[in-house]
Amino acid sequence: MAKIGDIDVGEFPLLLAPMEDVSDPPFRALCKEQGADVVYTEFISSEGLIRDAAKSVMKLDIYEKERPVGIQIFGANLDSMLKSVEIVEASGPDIIDINFGCPVKKVVSKGAGAGILKDIDLMVSLTKAMVEHTKLPITVKTRLGWDHDSIKIIEVAERLQDVGAKAIAIHGRTRAQMYKGNADWRPIADVKNNPRMHIPVFGNGDVDTPERAMEMRDQYGLDGAMIGRASIGYPWFFKEVKHYFKTGEHLSPPTIEERVSAARRHLQMAIDWKGEKLGVFETRRHYTNYFKGIPHFKEHRTKMVTSDLPEDVFAAFDEVESTFKGFEFV
């Protein structure tokens, strides 16, 4: 059984990855219902938190039904990160996660996210200071390295563990790769197989089928899988993986009625949480996957992603349900 500090997260837990404008409370709720063992918030800027920036503060919203839930923060300034830890603590999460892996230029250019992979000493000292500043377990999400020539993830993981990190999630790409090519899980397995490591090592990157999740567990021996892109617009992925682990068989895909119902709930929760404008806008990225596999769907998808009024999007859902009633997904 994997444990993050004193938190039992189960045998080979499935974790919902922190994704900007994706892993918000409405989507986390859906993923939790479908079997996600641990969910993480969208990543939050430490500088935004200490400036009391509205969007950053809003991301601190967490709910009892999500637990265990981690709040993820990023930054490269020690004072800002320590102040943000105090703000995050007040929200009552179970875990605080540090983002040392985001490859996006606007984050990296500030020396944060994957940018800190150029300065491992700073990465370690920041982690140490945050561990000492809170009683909550500190975990880390990172990448293999800055580029292929600077992969030192075994050493990095050891050092992070030594200063008190309670778990590490590793994306199997370098920053230079961004999201191109295939994730390489072998270096993550090398971290796990290091006899000095005793904290959970979670794999991330390209876990997009139940078979791949099983491969990460059985062939690579990792402690759990962090699921990102495979879950967008498809919260059932967690349930499908667990069913496959238990039976060796694929779970029947959700019906059109189940998909429409989830899309409706997702949109309504988003509107309730962030208002009509943002609620409608930020759920658009999910619709392609909610209804993936339906032929000649472009016209319906266009209505969903171009309508600014929630009643128009709900009407599009109704139309999809009536038009494709009985459609069998494969």
Protein backbone atom coordinates (compact mmCIF):
# COMPACT_ATOMS: atom_id res chain seq x y z
CA MET A 1 0.00 0.00 0.00
CA ALA A 2 1.32 3.42 -0.93
CA LYS A 3 1.40 6.15 1.70
CA ILE A 4 1.98 9.87 1.32
CA GLY A 5 3.16 10.77 4.79
CA ASP A 6 0.48 9.24 7.02
CA ILE A 7 -2.13 9.18 4.25
CA ASP A 8 -2.93 5.72 2.93
CA VAL A 9 -3.65 6.14 -0.78
CA GLY A 10 -4.18 2.48 -1.62
CA GLU A 11 -2.45 -0.14 -3.70
CA PHE A 12 -1.20 1.39 -6.94
CA PRO A 13 -3.26 4.59 -6.61
CA LEU A 14 -4.48 6.52 -9.64
CA LEU A 15 -3.86 10.23 -9.24
CA LEU A 16 -5.52 13.02 -11.20
CA ALA A 17 -2.70 15.24 -12.45
CA PRO A 18 -2.77 18.98 -11.84
CA MET A 19 -3.75 20.61 -15.15
CA GLU A 20 -4.37 24.29 -15.67
CA ASP A 21 -8.01 25.12 -16.47
CA VAL A 22 -8.80 21.38 -16.29
CA SER A 23 -8.46 19.96 -12.77
CA ASP A 24 -10.87 22.41 -11.15
CA PRO A 25 -13.43 21.40 -8.48
CA PRO A 26 -16.16 20.33 -10.97
CA PHE A 27 -13.85 18.04 -12.91
CA ARG A 28 -12.13 16.74 -9.78
CA ALA A 29 -15.55 15.78 -8.41
CA LEU A 30 -16.35 13.76 -11.53
CA CYS A 31 -12.96 12.01 -11.48
CA LYS A 32 -13.29 11.22 -7.78
CA GLU A 33 -16.69 9.61 -8.41
CA GLN A 34 -15.10 7.46 -11.11
CA GLY A 35 -12.29 6.13 -8.93
CA ALA A 36 -9.46 8.66 -8.75
CA ASP A 37 -7.63 7.96 -5.48
CA VAL A 38 -5.92 11.34 -5.11
CA VAL A 39 -6.78 14.56 -6.93
CA TYR A 40 -4.67 17.68 -7.35
CA THR A 41 -5.74 21.24 -8.00
CA GLU A 42 -4.65 23.25 -10.99
CA PHE A 43 -1.17 24.61 -10.39
CA ILE A 44 -1.21 27.91 -8.50
CA SER A 45 1.31 30.71 -8.74
CA SER A 46 2.97 31.50 -5.40
CA GLU A 47 3.38 35.10 -6.56
CA GLY A 48 -0.32 35.25 -7.44
CA LEU A 49 -1.27 33.94 -4.01
CA ILE A 50 0.74 36.44 -2.04
CA ARG A 51 -0.60 39.27 -4.22
CA ASP A 52 -4.10 37.95 -3.49
CA ALA A 53 -4.75 37.61 -7.22
CA ALA A 54 -8.37 36.55 -7.61
CA LYS A 55 -7.77 33.68 -10.05
CA SER A 56 -4.99 32.18 -7.92
CA VAL A 57 -6.99 32.44 -4.68
CA MET A 58 -10.06 30.89 -6.31
CA LYS A 59 -8.02 27.80 -7.16
CA LEU A 60 -7.65 27.12 -3.43
CA ASP A 61 -11.28 25.99 -3.23
CA ILE A 62 -11.43 22.36 -2.13
CA TYR A 63 -14.28 20.21 -0.84
CA GLU A 64 -14.58 17.32 1.63
CA LYS A 65 -15.74 14.86 -1.04
CA GLU A 66 -12.41 15.28 -2.87
CA ARG A 67 -10.14 14.02 -0.11
CA PRO A 68 -7.35 13.21 -0.19
CA VAL A 69 -6.67 16.34 -2.22
CA GLY A 70 -3.41 18.13 -2.93
CA ILE A 71 -2.92 21.79 -3.73
CA GLN A 72 -0.06 22.37 -6.16
CA ILE A 73 1.97 25.57 -6.18
CA PHE A 74 4.85 26.80 -8.30
CA GLY A 75 7.48 29.48 -7.98
CA ALA A 76 11.21 30.04 -7.62
CA ASN A 77 11.40 32.68 -4.88
CA LEU A 78 11.88 31.23 -1.40
CA ASP A 79 10.02 33.96 0.52
CA SER A 80 7.05 33.81 -1.86
CA MET A 81 6.88 30.03 -1.69
CA LEU A 82 6.96 30.02 2.12
CA LYS A 83 4.26 32.68 2.34
CA SER A 84 2.15 30.74 -0.13
CA VAL A 85 2.51 27.60 2.00
CA GLU A 86 0.89 29.47 4.88
CA ILE A 87 -1.98 30.62 2.62
CA VAL A 88 -2.44 27.11 1.21
CA GLU A 89 -2.45 25.56 4.70
CA ALA A 90 -5.43 27.71 5.63
CA SER A 91 -7.46 26.01 2.88
CA GLY A 92 -7.04 22.67 4.63
CA PRO A 93 -5.61 20.38 1.92
CA ASP A 94 -4.21 16.96 2.72
CA ILE A 95 -1.06 17.47 0.64
CA ILE A 96 0.98 20.37 -0.74
CA ASP A 97 2.64 19.59 -4.06
CA ILE A 98 5.44 21.57 -5.67
CA ASN A 99 5.45 21.91 -9.44
CA PHE A 100 8.99 21.42 -10.71
CA GLY A 101 7.84 20.11 -14.09
CA CYS A 102 5.65 22.56 -16.02
CA PRO A 103 7.38 23.12 -19.39
CA VAL A 104 5.40 26.20 -20.46
CA LYS A 105 7.59 29.14 -21.44
CA LYS A 106 5.84 31.76 -19.27
CA VAL A 107 6.54 29.60 -16.19
CA VAL A 108 10.02 28.39 -17.15
CA SER A 109 11.20 31.91 -18.02
CA LYS A 110 10.74 32.85 -14.35
CA GLY A 111 12.90 29.94 -13.23
CA ALA A 112 9.84 28.06 -11.95
CA GLY A 113 8.24 24.78 -13.04
CA ALA A 114 10.68 22.83 -15.20
CA GLY A 115 12.91 25.90 -15.27
CA ILE A 116 14.25 24.93 -11.87
CA LEU A 117 15.70 21.75 -13.40
CA LYS A 118 18.62 23.98 -14.42
CA ASP A 119 19.35 24.60 -10.73
CA ILE A 120 18.98 21.38 -8.76
CA ASP A 121 20.47 22.94 -5.62
CA LEU A 122 17.69 25.54 -5.60
CA MET A 123 15.12 22.82 -6.23
CA VAL A 124 16.35 20.93 -3.18
CA SER A 125 16.71 23.96 -0.91
CA LEU A 126 13.19 25.18 -1.77
CA THR A 127 11.76 21.75 -1.00
CA LYS A 128 13.66 21.55 2.29
CA ALA A 129 12.46 24.97 3.41
CA MET A 130 8.85 24.15 2.55
CA VAL A 131 9.00 20.80 4.38
CA GLU A 132 10.27 22.59 7.47
CA HIS A 133 7.57 25.27 7.16
CA THR A 134 4.50 23.01 7.34
CA LYS A 135 3.20 19.89 9.03
CA LEU A 136 1.43 18.83 5.82
CA PRO A 137 3.21 16.31 3.58
CA ILE A 138 5.14 17.94 0.75
CA THR A 139 5.26 16.08 -2.57
CA VAL A 140 6.98 16.98 -5.82
CA LYS A 141 6.06 16.65 -9.48
CA THR A 142 8.92 16.96 -11.93
CA ARG A 143 10.40 15.73 -15.22
CA LEU A 144 13.39 13.57 -16.10
CA GLY A 145 15.58 16.63 -16.57
CA TRP A 146 16.00 19.81 -18.56
CA ASP A 147 17.16 17.94 -21.66
CA HIS A 148 18.55 14.55 -22.63
CA ASP A 149 22.10 15.54 -21.64
CA SER A 150 21.15 16.66 -18.14
CA ILE A 151 19.07 13.77 -16.81
CA LYS A 152 20.01 13.26 -13.16
CA ILE A 153 16.63 12.12 -11.89
CA ILE A 154 18.02 9.36 -9.62
CA GLU A 155 20.18 11.87 -7.77
CA VAL A 156 17.42 14.48 -7.77
CA ALA A 157 14.86 12.06 -6.32
CA GLU A 158 17.29 10.94 -3.60
CA ARG A 159 18.02 14.51 -2.59
CA LEU A 160 14.36 15.50 -2.51
CA GLN A 161 13.57 12.48 -0.37
CA ASP A 162 16.48 13.29 1.94
CA VAL A 163 15.12 16.78 2.68
CA GLY A 164 11.68 15.41 3.49
CA ALA A 165 9.57 15.08 0.34
CA LYS A 166 6.94 12.40 0.99
CA ALA A 167 6.37 11.30 -2.63
CA ILE A 168 7.57 12.15 -6.12
CA ALA A 169 5.68 12.03 -9.41
CA ILE A 170 7.89 11.97 -12.49
CA HIS A 171 6.81 12.76 -16.04
CA GLY A 172 8.77 10.58 -18.45
CA ARG A 173 9.93 13.43 -20.69
CA THR A 174 12.49 16.22 -20.41
CA ARG A 175 11.54 19.87 -20.57
CA ALA A 176 13.11 20.07 -24.03
CA GLN A 177 10.64 17.43 -25.26
CA MET A 178 7.61 19.34 -23.97
CA TYR A 179 4.85 16.81 -24.82
CA LYS A 180 6.44 15.46 -28.02
CA GLY A 181 7.64 11.93 -28.63
CA ASN A 182 7.00 9.12 -26.21
CA ALA A 183 7.36 9.23 -22.45
CA ASP A 184 10.28 7.10 -21.24
CA TRP A 185 9.37 5.25 -18.05
CA ARG A 186 12.71 3.46 -17.70
CA PRO A 187 14.44 6.26 -15.77
CA ILE A 188 11.39 6.45 -13.47
CA ALA A 189 11.76 2.72 -12.80
CA ASP A 190 15.45 3.32 -12.07
CA VAL A 191 14.40 5.81 -9.40
CA LYS A 192 11.96 3.31 -7.90
CA ASN A 193 14.54 0.50 -7.97
CA ASN A 194 17.17 2.62 -6.23
CA PRO A 195 17.60 0.83 -2.88
CA ARG A 196 17.91 4.19 -1.13
CA MET A 197 14.39 5.25 -2.14
CA HIS A 198 11.56 4.56 0.28
CA ILE A 199 8.95 7.20 -0.64
CA PRO A 200 6.32 6.45 -3.32
CA VAL A 201 7.42 6.99 -6.91
CA PHE A 202 4.52 7.76 -9.24
CA GLY A 203 4.77 7.63 -13.02
CA ASN A 204 3.26 10.20 -15.36
CA GLY A 205 3.08 10.54 -19.13
CA ASP A 206 1.28 8.49 -21.79
CA VAL A 207 -0.86 6.44 -19.39
CA ASP A 208 -3.70 6.42 -21.90
CA THR A 209 -5.08 2.86 -21.75
CA PRO A 210 -5.72 0.37 -18.95
CA GLU A 211 -3.01 -1.80 -20.48
CA ARG A 212 -0.47 1.00 -20.17
CA ALA A 213 -1.43 1.54 -16.54
CA MET A 214 -0.92 -2.17 -15.88
CA GLU A 215 2.43 -2.02 -17.67
CA MET A 216 3.51 0.85 -15.41
CA ARG A 217 2.52 -1.20 -12.38
CA ASP A 218 3.72 -4.67 -13.33
CA GLN A 219 6.59 -4.15 -15.76
CA TYR A 220 8.06 -0.94 -14.38
CA GLY A 221 7.16 -1.56 -10.73
CA LEU A 222 6.03 1.96 -9.93
CA ASP A 223 3.88 2.83 -6.94
CA GLY A 224 1.03 4.53 -8.82
CA ALA A 225 0.07 6.36 -11.99
CA MET A 226 -0.66 10.05 -12.36
CA ILE A 227 -3.25 10.51 -15.09
CA GLY A 228 -3.41 13.69 -17.12
CA ARG A 229 -4.54 14.04 -20.71
CA ALA A 230 -6.32 10.66 -20.85
CA SER A 231 -8.84 11.92 -18.31
CA ILE A 232 -9.77 15.19 -20.03
CA GLY A 233 -13.43 14.87 -20.99
CA TYR A 234 -13.29 11.23 -19.90
CA PRO A 235 -13.43 10.86 -16.10
CA TRP A 236 -14.42 7.20 -16.58
CA PHE A 237 -10.77 6.40 -17.33
CA PHE A 238 -10.04 5.80 -13.63
CA LYS A 239 -12.91 3.35 -13.27
CA GLU A 240 -11.90 1.54 -16.46
CA VAL A 241 -8.32 1.08 -15.27
CA LYS A 242 -9.46 -0.33 -11.93
CA HIS A 243 -11.91 -2.69 -13.62
CA TYR A 244 -9.13 -3.93 -15.90
CA PHE A 245 -6.80 -4.49 -12.93
CA LYS A 246 -9.49 -6.51 -11.18
CA THR A 247 -10.83 -8.59 -14.09
CA GLY A 248 -8.37 -8.35 -16.97
CA GLU A 249 -11.27 -7.23 -19.13
CA HIS A 250 -12.33 -3.89 -20.54
CA LEU A 251 -15.32 -2.20 -18.98
CA SER A 252 -18.09 -1.35 -21.42
CA PRO A 253 -17.73 2.30 -22.44
CA PRO A 254 -20.23 4.80 -21.05
CA THR A 255 -23.47 5.15 -23.00
CA ILE A 256 -24.56 8.29 -24.78
CA GLU A 257 -26.95 8.98 -21.90
CA GLU A 258 -24.14 8.67 -19.35
CA ARG A 259 -21.90 10.95 -21.40
CA VAL A 260 -24.55 13.61 -21.83
CA SER A 261 -25.43 13.40 -18.14
CA ALA A 262 -21.77 13.88 -17.14
CA ALA A 263 -21.32 16.76 -19.58
CA ARG A 264 -24.45 18.45 -18.22
CA ARG A 265 -23.33 18.06 -14.62
CA HIS A 266 -19.83 19.23 -15.48
CA LEU A 267 -21.10 22.39 -17.13
CA GLN A 268 -23.61 23.15 -14.38
CA MET A 269 -21.02 22.69 -11.63
CA ALA A 270 -18.58 24.88 -13.57
CA ILE A 271 -21.19 27.63 -13.90
CA ASP A 272 -22.07 27.36 -10.22
CA TRP A 273 -18.40 27.60 -9.24
CA LYS A 274 -16.95 30.18 -11.63
CA GLY A 275 -19.93 31.92 -13.23
CA GLU A 276 -21.57 31.60 -16.64
CA LYS A 277 -18.86 33.12 -18.83
CA LEU A 278 -15.88 31.17 -17.49
CA GLY A 279 -17.98 28.08 -16.80
CA VAL A 280 -19.05 27.85 -20.42
CA PHE A 281 -15.61 28.73 -21.79
CA GLU A 282 -13.45 26.45 -19.65
CA THR A 283 -15.50 23.30 -20.11
CA ARG A 284 -15.21 23.46 -23.92
CA ARG A 285 -11.96 21.52 -24.06
CA HIS A 286 -13.73 18.47 -22.57
CA TYR A 287 -16.48 18.02 -25.14
CA THR A 288 -14.41 16.40 -27.88
CA ASN A 289 -13.53 13.52 -25.56
CA TYR A 290 -16.94 13.27 -23.94
CA PHE A 291 -18.36 12.38 -27.33
CA LYS A 292 -15.34 10.87 -29.06
CA GLY A 293 -16.25 8.07 -31.46
CA ILE A 294 -19.56 9.47 -32.66
CA PRO A 295 -19.52 9.78 -36.47
CA HIS A 296 -20.39 13.05 -38.20
CA PHE A 297 -20.25 14.90 -34.91
CA LYS A 298 -18.62 18.13 -36.11
CA GLU A 299 -21.84 20.13 -36.34
CA HIS A 300 -22.81 19.26 -32.77
CA ARG A 301 -19.33 19.89 -31.40
CA THR A 302 -19.23 23.27 -33.12
CA LYS A 303 -22.41 24.31 -31.31
CA MET A 304 -20.93 23.25 -27.97
CA VAL A 305 -17.64 25.08 -28.39
CA THR A 306 -18.92 28.27 -30.01
CA SER A 307 -22.04 28.96 -27.95
CA ASP A 308 -21.53 31.56 -25.23
CA LEU A 309 -24.88 31.01 -23.53
CA PRO A 310 -25.28 27.99 -21.23
CA GLU A 311 -28.82 27.34 -22.41
CA ASP A 312 -27.50 26.90 -25.96
CA VAL A 313 -24.89 24.38 -24.80
CA PHE A 314 -27.47 22.46 -22.76
CA ALA A 315 -29.73 22.44 -25.85
CA ALA A 316 -26.82 21.00 -27.86
CA PHE A 317 -26.48 18.22 -25.27
CA ASP A 318 -30.21 17.44 -25.56
CA GLU A 319 -29.90 17.31 -29.33
CA VAL A 320 -26.96 14.91 -29.13
CA GLU A 321 -28.81 12.63 -26.73
CA SER A 322 -31.90 12.42 -28.96
CA THR A 323 -29.98 12.18 -32.24
CA PHE A 324 -27.58 9.45 -31.14
CA LYS A 325 -29.80 7.54 -28.71
CA GLY A 326 -28.78 3.89 -28.74
CA PHE A 327 -25.39 4.57 -30.37
CA GLU A 328 -22.90 1.90 -29.32
CA PHE A 329 -19.38 3.04 -28.46
CA VAL A 330 -16.48 0.67 -29.00
